[in-house]
PDB file of N, CA and C in Angstrom:
ATOM      1  N   UNK A   1     -39.430 384.968  43.166  1.00  0.00           N
ATOM      2  CA  UNK A   1     -38.206 385.102  42.427  1.00  0.00           C
ATOM      3  C   UNK A   1     -37.455 386.367  42.846  1.00  0.00           C
ATOM      4  N   UNK A   2     -38.216 387.412  43.134  1.00  0.00           N
ATOM      5  CA  UNK A   2     -37.596 388.672  43.526  1.00  0.00           C
ATOM      6  C   UNK A   2     -36.857 388.513  44.862  1.00  0.00           C
ATOM      7  N   UNK A   3     -37.462 387.790  45.818  1.00  0.00           N
ATOM      8  CA  UNK A   3     -36.812 387.563  47.110  1.00  0.00           C
ATOM      9  C   UNK A   3     -35.533 386.739  46.937  1.00  0.00           C
ATOM     10  N   UNK A   4     -35.566 385.783  46.019  1.00  0.00           N
ATOM     11  CA  UNK A   4     -34.373 384.978  45.754  1.00  0.00           C
ATOM     12  C   UNK A   4     -33.242 385.852  45.195  1.00  0.00           C
ATOM     13  N   UNK A   5     -33.544 386.732  44.250  1.00  0.00           N
ATOM     14  CA  UNK A   5     -32.532 387.620  43.663  1.00  0.00           C
ATOM     15  C   UNK A   5     -31.963 388.559  44.718  1.00  0.00           C
ATOM     16  N   UNK A   6     -32.839 389.092  45.565  1.00  0.00           N
ATOM     17  CA  UNK A   6     -32.389 389.978  46.631  1.00  0.00           C
ATOM     18  C   UNK A   6     -31.516 389.221  47.629  1.00  0.00           C
ATOM     19  N   UNK A   7     -31.902 387.989  47.955  1.00  0.00           N
ATOM     20  CA  UNK A   7     -31.103 387.168  48.870  1.00  0.00           C
ATOM     21  C   UNK A   7     -29.754 386.825  48.250  1.00  0.00           C
ATOM     22  N   UNK A   8     -29.742 386.522  46.982  1.00  0.00           N
ATOM     23  CA  UNK A   8     -28.500 386.208  46.294  1.00  0.00           C
ATOM     24  C   UNK A   8     -27.560 387.415  46.283  1.00  0.00           C
ATOM     25  N   UNK A   9     -28.084 388.595  46.046  1.00  0.00           N
ATOM     26  CA  UNK A   9     -27.261 389.808  46.066  1.00  0.00           C
ATOM     27  C   UNK A   9     -26.707 390.055  47.464  1.00  0.00           C
ATOM     28  N   UNK A  10     -27.508 389.819  48.491  1.00  0.00           N
ATOM     29  CA  UNK A  10     -27.064 390.004  49.865  1.00  0.00           C
ATOM     30  C   UNK A  10     -25.934 389.044  50.193  1.00  0.00           C
ATOM     31  N   UNK A  11     -26.055 387.798  49.775  1.00  0.00           N
ATOM     32  CA  UNK A  11     -24.998 386.810  49.996  1.00  0.00           C
ATOM     33  C   UNK A  11     -23.725 387.225  49.265  1.00  0.00           C
ATOM     34  N   UNK A  12     -23.838 387.750  48.064  1.00  0.00           N
ATOM     35  CA  UNK A  12     -22.668 388.185  47.311  1.00  0.00           C
ATOM     36  C   UNK A  12     -21.967 389.353  48.020  1.00  0.00           C
ATOM     37  N   UNK A  13     -22.712 390.302  48.552  1.00  0.00           N
ATOM     38  CA  UNK A  13     -22.107 391.424  49.273  1.00  0.00           C
ATOM     39  C   UNK A  13     -21.410 390.958  50.545  1.00  0.00           C
ATOM     40  N   UNK A  14     -22.035 390.034  51.263  1.00  0.00           N
ATOM     41  CA  UNK A  14     -21.416 389.505  52.482  1.00  0.00           C
ATOM     42  C   UNK A  14     -20.117 388.781  52.126  1.00  0.00           C
ATOM     43  N   UNK A  15     -20.132 387.990  51.064  1.00  0.00           N
ATOM     44  CA  UNK A  15     -18.925 387.277  50.651  1.00  0.00           C
ATOM     45  C   UNK A  15     -17.836 388.245  50.211  1.00  0.00           C
ATOM     46  N   UNK A  16     -18.236 389.331  49.564  1.00  0.00           N
ATOM     47  CA  UNK A  16     -17.271 390.311  49.098  1.00  0.00           C
ATOM     48  C   UNK A  16     -16.574 391.015  50.258  1.00  0.00           C
ATOM     49  N   UNK A  17     -17.304 391.322  51.302  1.00  0.00           N
ATOM     50  CA  UNK A  17     -16.751 392.096  52.413  1.00  0.00           C
ATOM     51  C   UNK A  17     -16.202 391.261  53.554  1.00  0.00           C
ATOM     52  N   UNK A  18     -16.309 389.965  53.477  1.00  0.00           N
ATOM     53  CA  UNK A  18     -15.738 389.101  54.520  1.00  0.00           C
ATOM     54  C   UNK A  18     -14.705 388.184  53.893  1.00  0.00           C
ATOM     55  N   UNK A  19     -13.587 388.758  53.526  1.00  0.00           N
ATOM     56  CA  UNK A  19     -12.501 387.979  52.949  1.00  0.00           C
ATOM     57  C   UNK A  19     -11.525 387.598  54.044  1.00  0.00           C
ATOM     58  N   UNK A  20     -10.534 386.808  53.695  1.00  0.00           N
ATOM     59  CA  UNK A  20      -9.547 386.368  54.671  1.00  0.00           C
ATOM     60  C   UNK A  20      -8.475 387.422  54.922  1.00  0.00           C
ATOM     61  N   UNK A  21      -8.499 388.510  54.197  1.00  0.00           N
ATOM     62  CA  UNK A  21      -7.501 389.563  54.397  1.00  0.00           C
ATOM     63  C   UNK A  21      -7.813 390.326  55.679  1.00  0.00           C
ATOM     64  N   UNK A  22      -6.769 390.732  56.347  1.00  0.00           N
ATOM     65  CA  UNK A  22      -6.932 391.556  57.538  1.00  0.00           C
ATOM     66  C   UNK A  22      -6.237 392.878  57.303  1.00  0.00           C
ATOM     67  N   UNK A  23      -6.463 393.827  58.179  1.00  0.00           N
ATOM     68  CA  UNK A  23      -5.786 395.102  58.073  1.00  0.00           C
ATOM     69  C   UNK A  23      -4.280 394.909  58.179  1.00  0.00           C
ATOM     70  N   UNK A  24      -3.853 393.940  58.968  1.00  0.00           N
ATOM     71  CA  UNK A  24      -2.429 393.698  59.152  1.00  0.00           C
ATOM     72  C   UNK A  24      -1.768 393.278  57.844  1.00  0.00           C
ATOM     73  N   UNK A  25      -2.496 392.578  56.976  1.00  0.00           N
ATOM     74  CA  UNK A  25      -1.933 392.169  55.692  1.00  0.00           C
ATOM     75  C   UNK A  25      -1.592 393.376  54.831  1.00  0.00           C
ATOM     76  N   UNK A  26      -2.352 394.455  54.992  1.00  0.00           N
ATOM     77  CA  UNK A  26      -2.165 395.638  54.169  1.00  0.00           C
ATOM     78  C   UNK A  26      -1.201 396.635  54.794  1.00  0.00           C
ATOM     79  N   UNK A  27      -0.726 396.379  56.013  1.00  0.00           N
ATOM     80  CA  UNK A  27       0.157 397.314  56.689  1.00  0.00           C
ATOM     81  C   UNK A  27       1.494 397.379  55.992  1.00  0.00           C
ATOM     82  N   UNK A  28       1.979 398.565  55.804  1.00  0.00           N
ATOM     83  CA  UNK A  28       3.285 398.800  55.210  1.00  0.00           C
ATOM     84  C   UNK A  28       4.042 399.778  56.087  1.00  0.00           C
ATOM     85  N   UNK A  29       5.293 399.484  56.361  1.00  0.00           N
ATOM     86  CA  UNK A  29       6.135 400.370  57.160  1.00  0.00           C
ATOM     87  C   UNK A  29       7.172 401.013  56.252  1.00  0.00           C
ATOM     88  N   UNK A  30       7.445 402.287  56.444  1.00  0.00           N
ATOM     89  CA  UNK A  30       8.448 402.940  55.604  1.00  0.00           C
ATOM     90  C   UNK A  30       9.864 402.422  55.812  1.00  0.00           C
ATOM     91  N   UNK A  31      10.107 401.643  56.864  1.00  0.00           N
ATOM     92  CA  UNK A  31      11.458 401.102  57.038  1.00  0.00           C
ATOM     93  C   UNK A  31      11.668 399.805  56.263  1.00  0.00           C
ATOM     94  N   UNK A  32      10.613 399.270  55.655  1.00  0.00           N
ATOM     95  CA  UNK A  32      10.763 398.052  54.867  1.00  0.00           C
ATOM     96  C   UNK A  32      11.768 398.280  53.741  1.00  0.00           C
ATOM     97  N   UNK A  33      12.620 397.302  53.539  1.00  0.00           N
ATOM     98  CA  UNK A  33      13.653 397.398  52.518  1.00  0.00           C
ATOM     99  C   UNK A  33      15.019 397.172  53.136  1.00  0.00           C
ATOM    100  N   UNK A  34      16.057 397.417  52.364  1.00  0.00           N
ATOM    101  CA  UNK A  34      17.434 397.205  52.831  1.00  0.00           C
ATOM    102  C   UNK A  34      18.133 398.541  52.994  1.00  0.00           C
ATOM    103  N   UNK A  35      18.889 398.651  54.074  1.00  0.00           N
ATOM    104  CA  UNK A  35      19.541 399.897  54.472  1.00  0.00           C
ATOM    105  C   UNK A  35      20.998 399.625  54.822  1.00  0.00           C
ATOM    106  N   UNK A  36      21.905 400.475  54.345  1.00  0.00           N
ATOM    107  CA  UNK A  36      23.341 400.369  54.643  1.00  0.00           C
ATOM    108  C   UNK A  36      23.769 401.595  55.445  1.00  0.00           C
ATOM    109  N   UNK A  37      24.616 401.387  56.419  1.00  0.00           N
ATOM    110  CA  UNK A  37      25.062 402.482  57.290  1.00  0.00           C
ATOM    111  C   UNK A  37      25.926 403.479  56.512  1.00  0.00           C
ATOM    112  N   UNK A  38      25.712 404.769  56.773  1.00  0.00           N
ATOM    113  CA  UNK A  38      26.518 405.825  56.165  1.00  0.00           C
ATOM    114  C   UNK A  38      27.122 406.764  57.213  1.00  0.00           C
ATOM    115  N   UNK A  39      26.652 406.690  58.447  1.00  0.00           N
ATOM    116  CA  UNK A  39      27.141 407.570  59.503  1.00  0.00           C
ATOM    117  C   UNK A  39      26.821 406.930  60.847  1.00  0.00           C
ATOM    118  N   UNK A  40      27.627 407.023  61.846  1.00  0.00           N
ATOM    119  CA  UNK A  40      28.761 407.911  62.073  1.00  0.00           C
ATOM    120  C   UNK A  40      30.035 407.349  61.453  1.00  0.00           C
ATOM    121  N   UNK A  41      30.988 408.247  61.200  1.00  0.00           N
ATOM    122  CA  UNK A  41      32.273 407.796  60.658  1.00  0.00           C
ATOM    123  C   UNK A  41      32.935 406.815  61.630  1.00  0.00           C
ATOM    124  N   UNK A  42      33.567 405.818  61.095  1.00  0.00           N
ATOM    125  CA  UNK A  42      34.270 404.854  61.939  1.00  0.00           C
ATOM    126  C   UNK A  42      33.407 403.715  62.447  1.00  0.00           C
ATOM    127  N   UNK A  43      32.102 403.765  62.200  1.00  0.00           N
ATOM    128  CA  UNK A  43      31.233 402.659  62.623  1.00  0.00           C
ATOM    129  C   UNK A  43      31.504 401.442  61.745  1.00  0.00           C
ATOM    130  N   UNK A  44      31.405 400.253  62.319  1.00  0.00           N
ATOM    131  CA  UNK A  44      31.547 399.035  61.521  1.00  0.00           C
ATOM    132  C   UNK A  44      30.476 399.020  60.442  1.00  0.00           C
ATOM    133  N   UNK A  45      30.870 398.581  59.238  1.00  0.00           N
ATOM    134  CA  UNK A  45      29.899 398.514  58.154  1.00  0.00           C
ATOM    135  C   UNK A  45      28.819 397.496  58.513  1.00  0.00           C
ATOM    136  N   UNK A  46      27.551 397.904  58.376  1.00  0.00           N
ATOM    137  CA  UNK A  46      26.451 396.979  58.624  1.00  0.00           C
ATOM    138  C   UNK A  46      25.251 397.358  57.779  1.00  0.00           C
ATOM    139  N   UNK A  47      24.377 396.374  57.604  1.00  0.00           N
ATOM    140  CA  UNK A  47      23.160 396.536  56.812  1.00  0.00           C
ATOM    141  C   UNK A  47      21.995 395.872  57.530  1.00  0.00           C
ATOM    142  N   UNK A  48      20.840 396.474  57.375  1.00  0.00           N
ATOM    143  CA  UNK A  48      19.587 395.854  57.815  1.00  0.00           C
ATOM    144  C   UNK A  48      18.720 395.637  56.589  1.00  0.00           C
ATOM    145  N   UNK A  49      18.040 394.499  56.541  1.00  0.00           N
ATOM    146  CA  UNK A  49      16.997 394.265  55.553  1.00  0.00           C
ATOM    147  C   UNK A  49      15.728 393.928  56.325  1.00  0.00           C
ATOM    148  N   UNK A  50      14.712 394.770  56.178  1.00  0.00           N
ATOM    149  CA  UNK A  50      13.428 394.590  56.845  1.00  0.00           C
ATOM    150  C   UNK A  50      12.420 394.118  55.810  1.00  0.00           C
ATOM    151  N   UNK A  51      11.953 392.879  55.952  1.00  0.00           N
ATOM    152  CA  UNK A  51      10.988 392.303  55.022  1.00  0.00           C
ATOM    153  C   UNK A  51       9.566 392.636  55.454  1.00  0.00           C
ATOM    154  N   UNK A  52       8.658 392.632  54.486  1.00  0.00           N
ATOM    155  CA  UNK A  52       7.254 392.962  54.732  1.00  0.00           C
ATOM    156  C   UNK A  52       6.596 392.019  55.745  1.00  0.00           C
ATOM    157  N   UNK A  53       7.055 390.775  55.797  1.00  0.00           N
ATOM    158  CA  UNK A  53       6.426 389.786  56.683  1.00  0.00           C
ATOM    159  C   UNK A  53       6.932 389.842  58.124  1.00  0.00           C
ATOM    160  N   UNK A  54       7.739 390.860  58.465  1.00  0.00           N
ATOM    161  CA  UNK A  54       8.218 390.990  59.836  1.00  0.00           C
ATOM    162  C   UNK A  54       9.500 390.227  60.125  1.00  0.00           C
ATOM    163  N   UNK A  55      10.137 389.682  59.099  1.00  0.00           N
ATOM    164  CA  UNK A  55      11.432 389.032  59.257  1.00  0.00           C
ATOM    165  C   UNK A  55      12.502 389.961  58.696  1.00  0.00           C
ATOM    166  N   UNK A  56      13.753 389.628  58.935  1.00  0.00           N
ATOM    167  CA  UNK A  56      14.808 390.462  58.394  1.00  0.00           C
ATOM    168  C   UNK A  56      16.172 389.854  58.623  1.00  0.00           C
ATOM    169  N   UNK A  57      17.184 390.590  58.185  1.00  0.00           N
ATOM    170  CA  UNK A  57      18.563 390.145  58.381  1.00  0.00           C
ATOM    171  C   UNK A  57      19.437 391.352  58.709  1.00  0.00           C
ATOM    172  N   UNK A  58      20.473 391.069  59.485  1.00  0.00           N
ATOM    173  CA  UNK A  58      21.452 392.073  59.880  1.00  0.00           C
ATOM    174  C   UNK A  58      22.817 391.548  59.460  1.00  0.00           C
ATOM    175  N   UNK A  59      23.494 392.282  58.605  1.00  0.00           N
ATOM    176  CA  UNK A  59      24.832 391.919  58.132  1.00  0.00           C
ATOM    177  C   UNK A  59      25.828 392.884  58.750  1.00  0.00           C
ATOM    178  N   UNK A  60      26.940 392.358  59.257  1.00  0.00           N
ATOM    179  CA  UNK A  60      27.991 393.210  59.811  1.00  0.00           C
ATOM    180  C   UNK A  60      29.345 392.708  59.349  1.00  0.00           C
ATOM    181  N   UNK A  61      30.204 393.669  59.049  1.00  0.00           N
ATOM    182  CA  UNK A  61      31.593 393.387  58.700  1.00  0.00           C
ATOM    183  C   UNK A  61      32.441 394.153  59.706  1.00  0.00           C
ATOM    184  N   UNK A  62      33.136 393.404  60.580  1.00  0.00           N
ATOM    185  CA  UNK A  62      33.936 394.039  61.626  1.00  0.00           C
ATOM    186  C   UNK A  62      35.227 393.271  61.852  1.00  0.00           C
ATOM    187  N   UNK A  63      35.886 393.530  62.944  1.00  0.00           N
ATOM    188  CA  UNK A  63      37.174 392.894  63.250  1.00  0.00           C
ATOM    189  C   UNK A  63      37.075 391.369  63.260  1.00  0.00           C
ATOM    190  N   UNK A  64      35.900 390.824  63.532  1.00  0.00           N
ATOM    191  CA  UNK A  64      35.721 389.380  63.614  1.00  0.00           C
ATOM    192  C   UNK A  64      35.384 388.749  62.260  1.00  0.00           C
ATOM    193  N   UNK A  65      35.244 389.577  61.235  1.00  0.00           N
ATOM    194  CA  UNK A  65      34.885 389.058  59.919  1.00  0.00           C
ATOM    195  C   UNK A  65      33.509 389.532  59.506  1.00  0.00           C
ATOM    196  N   UNK A  66      32.851 388.744  58.693  1.00  0.00           N
ATOM    197  CA  UNK A  66      31.527 389.085  58.203  1.00  0.00           C
ATOM    198  C   UNK A  66      30.520 388.086  58.741  1.00  0.00           C
ATOM    199  N   UNK A  67      29.397 388.599  59.197  1.00  0.00           N
ATOM    200  CA  UNK A  67      28.353 387.733  59.754  1.00  0.00           C
ATOM    201  C   UNK A  67      26.988 388.261  59.366  1.00  0.00           C
ATOM    202  N   UNK A  68      26.049 387.342  59.217  1.00  0.00           N
ATOM    203  CA  UNK A  68      24.654 387.697  58.975  1.00  0.00           C
ATOM    204  C   UNK A  68      23.810 387.058  60.065  1.00  0.00           C
ATOM    205  N   UNK A  69      22.922 387.838  60.642  1.00  0.00           N
ATOM    206  CA  UNK A  69      22.025 387.370  61.703  1.00  0.00           C
ATOM    207  C   UNK A  69      20.587 387.625  61.257  1.00  0.00           C
ATOM    208  N   UNK A  70      19.716 386.682  61.552  1.00  0.00           N
ATOM    209  CA  UNK A  70      18.318 386.800  61.154  1.00  0.00           C
ATOM    210  C   UNK A  70      17.481 387.170  62.366  1.00  0.00           C
ATOM    211  N   UNK A  71      16.422 387.917  62.112  1.00  0.00           N
ATOM    212  CA  UNK A  71      15.600 388.429  63.205  1.00  0.00           C
ATOM    213  C   UNK A  71      14.157 388.593  62.754  1.00  0.00           C
ATOM    214  N   UNK A  72      13.311 388.891  63.718  1.00  0.00           N
ATOM    215  CA  UNK A  72      11.967 389.378  63.447  1.00  0.00           C
ATOM    216  C   UNK A  72      11.915 390.807  63.963  1.00  0.00           C
ATOM    217  N   UNK A  73      10.984 391.586  63.462  1.00  0.00           N
ATOM    218  CA  UNK A  73      10.917 392.991  63.856  1.00  0.00           C
ATOM    219  C   UNK A  73       9.470 393.468  63.865  1.00  0.00           C
ATOM    220  N   UNK A  74       9.275 394.552  64.620  1.00  0.00           N
ATOM    221  CA  UNK A  74       7.984 395.224  64.625  1.00  0.00           C
ATOM    222  C   UNK A  74       8.194 396.658  65.080  1.00  0.00           C
ATOM    223  N   UNK A  75       7.271 397.512  64.705  1.00  0.00           N
ATOM    224  CA  UNK A  75       7.324 398.896  65.132  1.00  0.00           C
ATOM    225  C   UNK A  75       6.043 399.251  65.860  1.00  0.00           C
ATOM    226  N   UNK A  76       6.182 400.134  66.812  1.00  0.00           N
ATOM    227  CA  UNK A  76       5.059 400.751  67.506  1.00  0.00           C
ATOM    228  C   UNK A  76       5.357 402.240  67.503  1.00  0.00           C
ATOM    229  N   UNK A  77       4.567 402.987  66.756  1.00  0.00           N
ATOM    230  CA  UNK A  77       4.846 404.409  66.544  1.00  0.00           C
ATOM    231  C   UNK A  77       6.272 404.545  66.019  1.00  0.00           C
ATOM    232  N   UNK A  78       7.128 405.272  66.715  1.00  0.00           N
ATOM    233  CA  UNK A  78       8.508 405.449  66.248  1.00  0.00           C
ATOM    234  C   UNK A  78       9.495 404.603  67.032  1.00  0.00           C
ATOM    235  N   UNK A  79       9.031 403.505  67.610  1.00  0.00           N
ATOM    236  CA  UNK A  79       9.917 402.578  68.298  1.00  0.00           C
ATOM    237  C   UNK A  79      10.017 401.304  67.468  1.00  0.00           C
ATOM    238  N   UNK A  80      11.258 400.897  67.201  1.00  0.00           N
ATOM    239  CA  UNK A  80      11.544 399.683  66.439  1.00  0.00           C
ATOM    240  C   UNK A  80      12.092 398.640  67.391  1.00  0.00           C
ATOM    241  N   UNK A  81      11.535 397.440  67.337  1.00  0.00           N
ATOM    242  CA  UNK A  81      12.038 396.303  68.107  1.00  0.00           C
ATOM    243  C   UNK A  81      12.585 395.273  67.133  1.00  0.00           C
ATOM    244  N   UNK A  82      13.819 394.837  67.381  1.00  0.00           N
ATOM    245  CA  UNK A  82      14.473 393.812  66.573  1.00  0.00           C
ATOM    246  C   UNK A  82      14.751 392.636  67.498  1.00  0.00           C
ATOM    247  N   UNK A  83      14.140 391.473  67.193  1.00  0.00           N
ATOM    248  CA  UNK A  83      14.238 390.285  68.047  1.00  0.00           C
ATOM    249  C   UNK A  83      15.112 389.230  67.358  1.00  0.00           C
ATOM    250  N   UNK A  84      16.251 388.922  67.957  1.00  0.00           N
ATOM    251  CA  UNK A  84      17.150 387.920  67.410  1.00  0.00           C
ATOM    252  C   UNK A  84      16.844 386.548  68.016  1.00  0.00           C
ATOM    253  N   UNK A  85      17.188 385.493  67.294  1.00  0.00           N
ATOM    254  CA  UNK A  85      16.946 384.118  67.758  1.00  0.00           C
ATOM    255  C   UNK A  85      17.729 383.807  69.029  1.00  0.00           C
ATOM    256  N   UNK A  86      18.787 384.553  69.299  1.00  0.00           N
ATOM    257  CA  UNK A  86      19.598 384.335  70.500  1.00  0.00           C
ATOM    258  C   UNK A  86      18.894 384.818  71.763  1.00  0.00           C
ATOM    259  N   UNK A  87      17.779 385.512  71.587  1.00  0.00           N
ATOM    260  CA  UNK A  87      17.065 386.070  72.731  1.00  0.00           C
ATOM    261  C   UNK A  87      17.336 387.551  72.936  1.00  0.00           C
ATOM    262  N   UNK A  88      18.308 388.094  72.210  1.00  0.00           N
ATOM    263  CA  UNK A  88      18.597 389.522  72.302  1.00  0.00           C
ATOM    264  C   UNK A  88      17.505 390.333  71.624  1.00  0.00           C
ATOM    265  N   UNK A  89      17.177 391.459  72.230  1.00  0.00           N
ATOM    266  CA  UNK A  89      16.237 392.402  71.636  1.00  0.00           C
ATOM    267  C   UNK A  89      16.915 393.757  71.560  1.00  0.00           C
ATOM    268  N   UNK A  90      16.932 394.334  70.374  1.00  0.00           N
ATOM    269  CA  UNK A  90      17.452 395.684  70.193  1.00  0.00           C
ATOM    270  C   UNK A  90      16.263 396.605  70.009  1.00  0.00           C
ATOM    271  N   UNK A  91      16.322 397.742  70.682  1.00  0.00           N
ATOM    272  CA  UNK A  91      15.235 398.726  70.589  1.00  0.00           C
ATOM    273  C   UNK A  91      15.821 400.058  70.132  1.00  0.00           C
ATOM    274  N   UNK A  92      15.161 400.660  69.170  1.00  0.00           N
ATOM    275  CA  UNK A  92      15.587 401.939  68.618  1.00  0.00           C
ATOM    276  C   UNK A  92      14.386 402.872  68.515  1.00  0.00           C
ATOM    277  N   UNK A  93      14.651 404.151  68.576  1.00  0.00           N
ATOM    278  CA  UNK A  93      13.706 405.142  68.096  1.00  0.00           C
ATOM    279  C   UNK A  93      14.116 405.413  66.654  1.00  0.00           C
ATOM    280  N   UNK A  94      13.165 405.430  65.726  1.00  0.00           N
ATOM    281  CA  UNK A  94      13.512 405.577  64.320  1.00  0.00           C
ATOM    282  C   UNK A  94      12.781 406.756  63.692  1.00  0.00           C
ATOM    283  N   UNK A  95      13.441 407.351  62.725  1.00  0.00           N
ATOM    284  CA  UNK A  95      12.866 408.428  61.917  1.00  0.00           C
ATOM    285  C   UNK A  95      13.388 408.282  60.510  1.00  0.00           C
ATOM    286  N   UNK A  96      12.594 408.727  59.566  1.00  0.00           N
ATOM    287  CA  UNK A  96      13.063 408.816  58.189  1.00  0.00           C
ATOM    288  C   UNK A  96      13.026 410.287  57.814  1.00  0.00           C
ATOM    289  N   UNK A  97      14.164 410.766  57.362  1.00  0.00           N
ATOM    290  CA  UNK A  97      14.280 412.152  56.896  1.00  0.00           C
ATOM    291  C   UNK A  97      14.916 412.096  55.511  1.00  0.00           C
ATOM    292  N   UNK A  98      14.181 412.564  54.540  1.00  0.00           N
ATOM    293  CA  UNK A  98      14.672 412.469  53.163  1.00  0.00           C
ATOM    294  C   UNK A  98      14.822 411.003  52.788  1.00  0.00           C
ATOM    295  N   UNK A  99      15.994 410.631  52.319  1.00  0.00           N
ATOM    296  CA  UNK A  99      16.251 409.245  51.906  1.00  0.00           C
ATOM    297  C   UNK A  99      16.997 408.463  52.979  1.00  0.00           C
ATOM    298  N   UNK A 100      17.005 408.956  54.206  1.00  0.00           N
ATOM    299  CA  UNK A 100      17.809 408.337  55.257  1.00  0.00           C
ATOM    300  C   UNK A 100      16.955 407.838  56.416  1.00  0.00           C
ATOM    301  N   UNK A 101      17.367 406.694  56.949  1.00  0.00           N
ATOM    302  CA  UNK A 101      16.756 406.104  58.138  1.00  0.00           C
ATOM    303  C   UNK A 101      17.678 406.395  59.315  1.00  0.00           C
ATOM    304  N   UNK A 102      17.145 407.012  60.348  1.00  0.00           N
ATOM    305  CA  UNK A 102      17.899 407.328  61.561  1.00  0.00           C
ATOM    306  C   UNK A 102      17.463 406.371  62.659  1.00  0.00           C
ATOM    307  N   UNK A 103      18.402 405.623  63.201  1.00  0.00           N
ATOM    308  CA  UNK A 103      18.135 404.714  64.316  1.00  0.00           C
ATOM    309  C   UNK A 103      18.866 405.221  65.551  1.00  0.00           C
ATOM    310  N   UNK A 104      18.097 405.566  66.571  1.00  0.00           N
ATOM    311  CA  UNK A 104      18.659 406.031  67.836  1.00  0.00           C
ATOM    312  C   UNK A 104      18.579 404.884  68.841  1.00  0.00           C
ATOM    313  N   UNK A 105      19.715 404.302  69.240  1.00  0.00           N
ATOM    314  CA  UNK A 105      19.671 403.263  70.265  1.00  0.00           C
ATOM    315  C   UNK A 105      19.147 403.849  71.580  1.00  0.00           C
ATOM    316  N   UNK A 106      18.505 403.021  72.367  1.00  0.00           N
ATOM    317  CA  UNK A 106      17.972 403.467  73.655  1.00  0.00           C
ATOM    318  C   UNK A 106      19.104 404.036  74.492  1.00  0.00           C
ATOM    319  N   UNK A 107      18.897 405.224  75.040  1.00  0.00           N
ATOM    320  CA  UNK A 107      19.882 405.852  75.909  1.00  0.00           C
ATOM    321  C   UNK A 107      20.980 406.590  75.187  1.00  0.00           C
ATOM    322  N   UNK A 108      20.892 406.692  73.860  1.00  0.00           N
ATOM    323  CA  UNK A 108      21.931 407.379  73.092  1.00  0.00           C
ATOM    324  C   UNK A 108      21.299 408.497  72.279  1.00  0.00           C
ATOM    325  N   UNK A 109      21.946 409.636  72.287  1.00  0.00           N
ATOM    326  CA  UNK A 109      21.472 410.754  71.464  1.00  0.00           C
ATOM    327  C   UNK A 109      22.108 410.795  70.099  1.00  0.00           C
ATOM    328  N   UNK A 110      23.026 409.845  69.848  1.00  0.00           N
ATOM    329  CA  UNK A 110      23.743 409.799  68.573  1.00  0.00           C
ATOM    330  C   UNK A 110      23.101 408.724  67.694  1.00  0.00           C
ATOM    331  N   UNK A 111      22.576 409.118  66.523  1.00  0.00           N
ATOM    332  CA  UNK A 111      21.923 408.114  65.682  1.00  0.00           C
ATOM    333  C   UNK A 111      22.900 407.378  64.779  1.00  0.00           C
ATOM    334  N   UNK A 112      22.470 406.196  64.367  1.00  0.00           N
ATOM    335  CA  UNK A 112      23.086 405.506  63.245  1.00  0.00           C
ATOM    336  C   UNK A 112      22.254 405.915  62.040  1.00  0.00           C
ATOM    337  N   UNK A 113      22.915 406.327  60.975  1.00  0.00           N
ATOM    338  CA  UNK A 113      22.219 406.809  59.793  1.00  0.00           C
ATOM    339  C   UNK A 113      22.408 405.805  58.663  1.00  0.00           C
ATOM    340  N   UNK A 114      21.305 405.424  58.030  1.00  0.00           N
ATOM    341  CA  UNK A 114      21.308 404.413  56.967  1.00  0.00           C
ATOM    342  C   UNK A 114      20.689 404.984  55.699  1.00  0.00           C
ATOM    343  N   UNK A 115      21.190 404.483  54.569  1.00  0.00           N
ATOM    344  CA  UNK A 115      20.659 404.850  53.271  1.00  0.00           C
ATOM    345  C   UNK A 115      20.144 403.587  52.584  1.00  0.00           C
ATOM    346  N   UNK A 116      19.011 403.696  51.933  1.00  0.00           N
ATOM    347  CA  UNK A 116      18.430 402.528  51.228  1.00  0.00           C
ATOM    348  C   UNK A 116      19.339 402.119  50.075  1.00  0.00           C
ATOM    349  N   UNK A 117      19.398 400.816  49.849  1.00  0.00           N
ATOM    350  CA  UNK A 117      20.142 400.317  48.678  1.00  0.00           C
ATOM    351  C   UNK A 117      19.355 399.240  47.991  1.00  0.00           C
TER     352      UNK A 117
END
């Protein structure tokens, strides 16, 4: 009976520690959420929404009107990749300072600055 109880406890511990969750399920990025542009002056109004599941949307209001585009995204260290269904990929270096998200397009020293909303 003692061996059975010990075996049962061992099975319970194995079941407890082998769940379907992965480390990726628990990953959280500080850029998750919705962000509206606040700088530079004169930039077309736009917003990014980064969802926890790696999907998102980009809204822009410019001379052509208002449009929303859907994408997938991922980060590697401080590099953000935004993949649009059209095949376009946007790459940024990103930082968060205070309540602001700074997106530096590749090859540009001037950031786009966003505030969470």
